[in-house]
Protein backbone atom coordinates (compact mmCIF):
# COMPACT_ATOMS: atom_id res chain seq x y z
CA UNK A 1 -40.72 1.03 -12.35
CA UNK A 2 -36.82 2.49 -11.70
CA UNK A 3 -34.27 1.94 -8.92
CA UNK A 4 -32.31 4.25 -7.00
CA UNK A 5 -29.81 4.31 -9.84
CA UNK A 6 -31.46 5.36 -12.43
CA UNK A 7 -32.23 2.38 -14.69
CA UNK A 8 -35.24 0.38 -15.22
CA UNK A 9 -35.28 -2.28 -12.55
CA UNK A 10 -35.33 -5.97 -13.51
CA UNK A 11 -38.99 -7.55 -13.37
CA UNK A 12 -38.83 -10.91 -11.19
CA UNK A 13 -38.37 -13.99 -13.29
CA UNK A 14 -41.92 -14.87 -14.27
CA UNK A 15 -42.64 -11.11 -15.79
CA UNK A 16 -39.70 -11.22 -17.96
CA UNK A 17 -41.30 -13.39 -20.97
CA UNK A 18 -38.37 -13.15 -23.21
CA UNK A 19 -35.47 -14.55 -20.90
CA UNK A 20 -38.01 -16.41 -18.86
CA UNK A 21 -36.97 -19.81 -19.47
CA UNK A 22 -33.19 -19.19 -19.68
CA UNK A 23 -32.98 -17.58 -16.48
CA UNK A 24 -34.66 -20.46 -14.76
CA UNK A 25 -32.07 -22.90 -16.46
CA UNK A 26 -29.55 -20.72 -14.95
CA UNK A 27 -31.09 -20.85 -11.37
CA UNK A 28 -31.74 -24.82 -11.86
CA UNK A 29 -28.30 -25.58 -13.50
CA UNK A 30 -26.10 -23.68 -10.98
CA UNK A 31 -27.49 -25.85 -8.36
CA UNK A 32 -25.65 -23.60 -5.73
CA UNK A 33 -22.27 -23.80 -7.47
CA UNK A 34 -20.59 -21.48 -10.09
CA UNK A 35 -18.55 -24.31 -11.40
CA UNK A 36 -20.10 -24.46 -14.88
CA UNK A 37 -21.26 -20.71 -14.99
CA UNK A 38 -19.74 -19.68 -18.18
CA UNK A 39 -21.70 -22.82 -19.97
CA UNK A 40 -25.04 -21.97 -18.24
CA UNK A 41 -24.94 -18.04 -18.42
CA UNK A 42 -24.37 -18.50 -22.29
CA UNK A 43 -28.05 -17.80 -23.42
CA UNK A 44 -28.41 -14.83 -20.99
CA UNK A 45 -27.66 -11.54 -22.79
CA UNK A 46 -24.85 -8.97 -20.81
CA UNK A 47 -27.44 -6.69 -19.78
CA UNK A 48 -29.56 -9.06 -18.47
CA UNK A 49 -26.71 -10.63 -16.64
CA UNK A 50 -25.74 -7.49 -14.91
CA UNK A 51 -29.35 -6.90 -13.59
CA UNK A 52 -29.19 -10.08 -11.99
CA UNK A 53 -26.22 -9.31 -10.01
CA UNK A 54 -27.59 -6.35 -8.63
CA UNK A 55 -29.87 -8.57 -6.43
CA UNK A 56 -28.88 -12.72 -7.63
CA UNK A 57 -31.43 -13.66 -4.62
CA UNK A 58 -34.44 -12.11 -6.22
CA UNK A 59 -33.70 -13.23 -9.55
CA UNK A 60 -32.25 -16.45 -8.86
CA UNK A 61 -34.17 -17.98 -5.92
CA UNK A 62 -32.69 -21.58 -5.96
CA UNK A 63 -29.16 -20.76 -6.71
CA UNK A 64 -28.62 -16.97 -6.26
CA UNK A 65 -26.90 -17.04 -2.89
CA UNK A 66 -24.09 -18.74 -4.88
CA UNK A 67 -23.39 -15.41 -6.44
CA UNK A 68 -22.00 -12.38 -4.86
CA UNK A 69 -24.12 -9.49 -3.68
CA UNK A 70 -23.38 -6.11 -4.06
CA UNK A 71 -22.03 -3.85 -1.36
CA UNK A 72 -24.17 -0.83 -0.18
CA UNK A 73 -25.11 2.09 -2.52
CA UNK A 74 -22.45 4.02 0.13
CA UNK A 75 -19.57 1.70 -0.64
CA UNK A 76 -20.09 1.64 -4.36
CA UNK A 77 -20.30 5.34 -4.65
CA UNK A 78 -17.30 5.83 -2.42
CA UNK A 79 -14.97 3.71 -4.75
CA UNK A 80 -16.75 4.78 -8.26
CA UNK A 81 -18.85 8.25 -7.76
CA UNK A 82 -22.05 6.32 -8.37
CA UNK A 83 -24.03 3.10 -7.72
CA UNK A 84 -26.83 0.98 -8.91
CA UNK A 85 -28.16 0.76 -12.14
CA UNK A 86 -26.17 4.25 -13.17
CA UNK A 87 -22.79 2.50 -12.29
CA UNK A 88 -24.16 -0.76 -13.85
CA UNK A 89 -24.34 0.73 -17.42
CA UNK A 90 -20.86 2.40 -17.08
CA UNK A 91 -19.67 -1.13 -15.74
CA UNK A 92 -21.42 -2.95 -18.97
CA UNK A 93 -19.88 -0.31 -21.46
CA UNK A 94 -16.23 -1.03 -20.06
CA UNK A 95 -16.60 -5.37 -20.04
CA UNK A 96 -18.29 -5.23 -24.04
CA UNK A 97 -14.98 -3.38 -24.66
CA UNK A 98 -12.88 -6.01 -22.72
CA UNK A 99 -14.35 -8.82 -24.80
CA UNK A 100 -13.97 -7.24 -27.79
CA UNK A 101 -10.41 -6.26 -27.20
CA UNK A 102 -9.69 -9.79 -25.42
CA UNK A 103 -11.22 -12.36 -28.09
CA UNK A 104 -10.61 -15.93 -27.63
CA UNK A 105 -7.66 -15.23 -25.16
CA UNK A 106 -10.49 -14.05 -22.51
CA UNK A 107 -11.66 -18.03 -22.44
CA UNK A 108 -8.09 -19.24 -22.21
CA UNK A 109 -7.80 -17.84 -18.89
CA UNK A 110 -6.30 -16.87 -16.29
CA UNK A 111 -7.52 -13.35 -16.37
CA UNK A 112 -6.13 -10.61 -14.10
CA UNK A 113 -8.33 -8.17 -12.98
CA UNK A 114 -5.79 -5.54 -11.52
CA UNK A 115 -7.26 -3.05 -9.07
CA UNK A 116 -10.08 -5.20 -8.50
CA UNK A 117 -11.80 -3.04 -5.64
CA UNK A 118 -15.22 -4.37 -4.68
CA UNK A 119 -15.28 -6.92 -7.51
CA UNK A 120 -16.96 -4.84 -9.80
CA UNK A 121 -16.11 -5.89 -13.27
CA UNK A 122 -14.82 -9.68 -12.15
CA UNK A 123 -18.28 -10.62 -11.13
CA UNK A 124 -19.54 -9.38 -14.24
CA UNK A 125 -16.55 -11.24 -16.14
CA UNK A 126 -18.04 -14.66 -14.43
CA UNK A 127 -20.46 -14.96 -17.66
CA UNK A 128 -17.12 -15.86 -19.87
CA UNK A 129 -14.82 -16.52 -17.47
CA UNK A 130 -14.21 -19.80 -15.16
CA UNK A 131 -14.42 -18.81 -11.23
CA UNK A 132 -11.01 -20.43 -10.81
CA UNK A 133 -9.68 -18.69 -13.78
CA UNK A 134 -9.98 -15.15 -12.26
CA UNK A 135 -7.46 -13.74 -10.19
CA UNK A 136 -8.08 -10.33 -8.30
CA UNK A 137 -5.31 -8.46 -6.75
CA UNK A 138 -5.40 -4.42 -5.16
CA UNK A 139 -2.94 -2.38 -3.20
CA UNK A 140 -5.45 -2.00 -0.44
CA UNK A 141 -6.63 -4.66 1.97
CA UNK A 142 -10.08 -2.98 2.50
CA UNK A 143 -10.96 -3.38 -1.23
CA UNK A 144 -10.04 -7.30 -0.78
CA UNK A 145 -12.25 -7.31 2.67
CA UNK A 146 -15.27 -5.75 0.80
CA UNK A 147 -14.81 -8.61 -2.01
CA UNK A 148 -15.12 -11.47 0.59
CA UNK A 149 -17.93 -9.70 2.47
CA UNK A 150 -19.99 -9.82 -0.84
CA UNK A 151 -19.12 -13.56 -1.32
CA UNK A 152 -16.22 -13.24 -4.43
CA UNK A 153 -15.08 -16.46 -4.74
CA UNK A 154 -12.11 -16.22 -7.09
CA UNK A 155 -8.73 -15.95 -6.01
CA UNK A 156 -7.79 -12.52 -4.51
CA UNK A 157 -4.33 -11.13 -3.35
CA UNK A 158 -3.11 -8.05 -1.84
CA UNK A 159 -0.15 -6.46 -4.01
CA UNK A 160 2.40 -3.62 -3.56
CA UNK A 161 1.37 -0.13 -4.81
CA UNK A 162 4.47 -0.37 -7.06
CA UNK A 163 3.94 -4.02 -8.05
CA UNK A 164 6.89 -6.20 -6.73
CA UNK A 165 8.51 -9.21 -9.14
CA UNK A 166 7.31 -11.65 -7.06
CA UNK A 167 3.94 -10.67 -7.17
CA UNK A 168 2.61 -11.65 -10.39
CA UNK A 169 3.99 -14.80 -12.22
CA UNK A 170 5.43 -13.83 -15.43
CA UNK A 171 4.31 -15.07 -18.74
CA UNK A 172 1.33 -16.49 -16.78
CA UNK A 173 -2.10 -14.34 -17.63
CA UNK A 174 -3.98 -14.54 -21.09
CA UNK A 175 -5.65 -11.25 -20.31
CA UNK A 176 -5.01 -8.83 -17.98
CA UNK A 177 -7.37 -5.53 -17.50
CA UNK A 178 -7.24 -2.48 -15.28
CA UNK A 179 -9.95 -0.13 -15.20
CA UNK A 180 -9.36 3.21 -13.42
CA UNK A 181 -6.12 2.17 -11.89
CA UNK A 182 -3.61 4.11 -14.21
CA UNK A 183 -5.64 7.11 -13.92
CA UNK A 184 -4.57 7.63 -10.88
CA UNK A 185 -0.87 6.92 -10.64
CA UNK A 186 2.26 9.19 -10.87
CA UNK A 187 4.57 8.77 -13.52
CA UNK A 188 6.90 6.53 -11.98
CA UNK A 189 4.34 4.09 -10.53
CA UNK A 190 2.66 4.42 -13.86
CA UNK A 191 5.59 3.26 -16.02
CA UNK A 192 6.42 0.86 -13.40
CA UNK A 193 3.30 -1.12 -13.01
CA UNK A 194 2.50 -0.96 -16.72
CA UNK A 195 5.81 -2.94 -17.12
CA UNK A 196 4.93 -5.06 -14.59
CA UNK A 197 1.63 -5.90 -16.12
CA UNK A 198 3.38 -6.74 -19.27
CA UNK A 199 5.59 -9.13 -17.73
CA UNK A 200 2.79 -11.35 -16.26
CA UNK A 201 1.10 -11.61 -19.48
CA UNK A 202 1.66 -14.82 -21.44
CA UNK A 203 3.05 -14.39 -25.16
CA UNK A 204 0.18 -13.64 -27.39
CA UNK A 205 -1.89 -12.20 -24.27
CA UNK A 206 -3.93 -9.08 -24.20
CA UNK A 207 -3.45 -6.04 -21.90
CA UNK A 208 -6.60 -3.52 -21.42
CA UNK A 209 -6.36 -0.76 -19.37
CA UNK A 210 -7.65 2.93 -19.04
CA UNK A 211 -6.74 6.10 -18.72
CA UNK A 212 -7.65 9.82 -18.70
CA UNK A 213 -7.56 12.16 -21.17
CA UNK A 214 -6.55 15.94 -21.04
CA UNK A 215 -10.11 17.14 -21.11
CA UNK A 216 -10.27 15.73 -17.43
CA UNK A 217 -8.58 18.32 -16.55
CA UNK A 218 -11.51 21.03 -16.82
CA UNK A 219 -14.28 18.54 -16.59
CA UNK A 220 -17.52 20.39 -14.80
CA UNK A 221 -16.86 20.03 -11.26
CA UNK A 222 -13.20 18.91 -11.00
CA UNK A 223 -11.82 20.76 -8.18
CA UNK A 224 -8.42 21.39 -9.41
CA UNK A 225 -9.50 22.28 -12.80
CA UNK A 226 -6.87 23.90 -15.31
CA UNK A 227 -6.90 24.33 -18.62
CA UNK A 228 -3.15 24.99 -18.90
CA UNK A 229 -2.48 21.75 -17.49
CA UNK A 230 -4.72 20.09 -20.63
CA UNK A 231 -2.27 22.27 -22.85
CA UNK A 232 0.47 20.54 -20.48
CA UNK A 233 -0.81 16.76 -21.09
CA UNK A 234 -0.62 17.36 -24.86
CA UNK A 235 2.67 18.76 -25.03
CA UNK A 236 4.82 16.77 -21.91
CA UNK A 237 2.68 13.55 -22.65
CA UNK A 238 1.38 12.89 -18.64
CA UNK A 239 0.49 15.23 -15.86
CA UNK A 240 -0.12 13.95 -12.33
CA UNK A 241 -1.75 15.59 -9.84
CA UNK A 242 -1.03 14.15 -6.33
CA UNK A 243 -3.19 13.69 -3.37
CA UNK A 244 -2.25 15.98 -0.37
CA UNK A 245 -1.01 14.19 2.68
CA UNK A 246 0.88 10.67 2.92
CA UNK A 247 -0.58 8.99 -0.19
CA UNK A 248 2.29 7.59 -2.50
CA UNK A 249 1.85 7.34 -5.93
CA UNK A 250 -1.76 8.09 -6.22
CA UNK A 251 -3.63 11.39 -7.69
CA UNK A 252 -5.17 12.20 -10.75
CA UNK A 253 -3.44 11.27 -13.79
CA UNK A 254 -3.84 12.06 -17.43
CA UNK A 255 -1.77 11.37 -20.41
CA UNK A 256 -2.00 12.27 -24.23
CA UNK A 257 -2.37 9.19 -26.86
CA UNK A 258 1.00 9.80 -28.19
CA UNK A 259 2.47 9.50 -24.87
CA UNK A 260 0.37 6.27 -23.78
CA UNK A 261 1.07 4.36 -27.37
CA UNK A 262 5.13 4.93 -26.35
CA UNK A 263 4.83 3.38 -23.00
CA UNK A 264 2.93 0.60 -24.52
CA UNK A 265 5.76 0.26 -27.32
CA UNK A 266 8.57 0.57 -24.32
CA UNK A 267 6.96 -2.26 -22.58
CA UNK A 268 7.44 -4.51 -25.74
CA UNK A 269 3.73 -4.57 -26.69
CA UNK A 270 2.07 -3.80 -29.76
CA UNK A 271 -0.90 -0.95 -29.83
CA UNK A 272 -4.18 -2.96 -30.83
CA UNK A 273 -6.89 -0.13 -30.54
CA UNK A 274 -8.24 2.51 -28.69
CA UNK A 275 -11.98 2.70 -27.17
CA UNK A 276 -14.41 5.10 -25.66
CA UNK A 277 -18.02 5.56 -24.44
CA UNK A 278 -20.45 8.27 -23.64
CA UNK A 279 -21.28 6.09 -20.30
CA UNK A 280 -17.55 6.85 -19.41
CA UNK A 281 -16.36 10.04 -20.84
CA UNK A 282 -13.24 10.29 -19.10
CA UNK A 283 -11.82 6.39 -19.51
CA UNK A 284 -10.39 6.00 -22.60
CA UNK A 285 -9.77 2.06 -23.28
CA UNK A 286 -6.28 0.87 -24.37
CA UNK A 287 -5.66 -2.70 -25.87
CA UNK A 288 -2.29 -4.12 -26.55
CA UNK A 289 -0.97 -7.28 -27.21
CA UNK A 290 2.02 -9.22 -26.16
CA UNK A 291 4.17 -10.66 -29.16
CA UNK A 292 4.39 -14.42 -29.32
């Protein structure tokens, strides 16, 4: 049995013998509230947690209503290019990279999801981080509206396309992450917002962001494919193909590893590693630490 996204459908709790008792305990323990979720979900593997979130009411009949629901497949695809199980696998791969890169700082909080979208990643993070310790920000009001309509209960905030100093508290967040945000920003906005996120990190905090490699520019099916721009990315460090119309600072952006490492250093951050996975081959995951 498979869902429309291509992943194996999660069977009902009574048929899932391996984690049946743990899922039932989670359902009882939540008691309609997310306050103690990280402790209660400790025995639930991340992939199982992700499957639960595809249909919380089905898998947690007592407390599933306390968890956010998924937006429509159309919204998921419009924002992310796929939906359901296929998108879930990509999301889980990033969450694993995030958890590994953030270490214990993830559990200290608060954690900032920069470019929260419809809460695709922040809902998965509820397994590890208390709901009140997750803050989601986005430059699109539509994203925040969808978050709320899906039942996302952690704090949400509208920010500017180019982050203003008053929008993020300085030296405040233990972890800041951004998936597929800097993949779209024009060079000036890229540098500006990376600095703003570095300022928002508390000393010792971790930044985890994704960028696009040069190879994205010759990806099969990409409408602006141009092999010359691959060479330009590697030589100049960054290439931005802006969207036509009135959208400012937005489009497709590729960067070289050397250029990105330099940007992190210019922000006063220490580069601590790079990750990549087959699930999202055109997303390179960068991890950096703020000294202190």
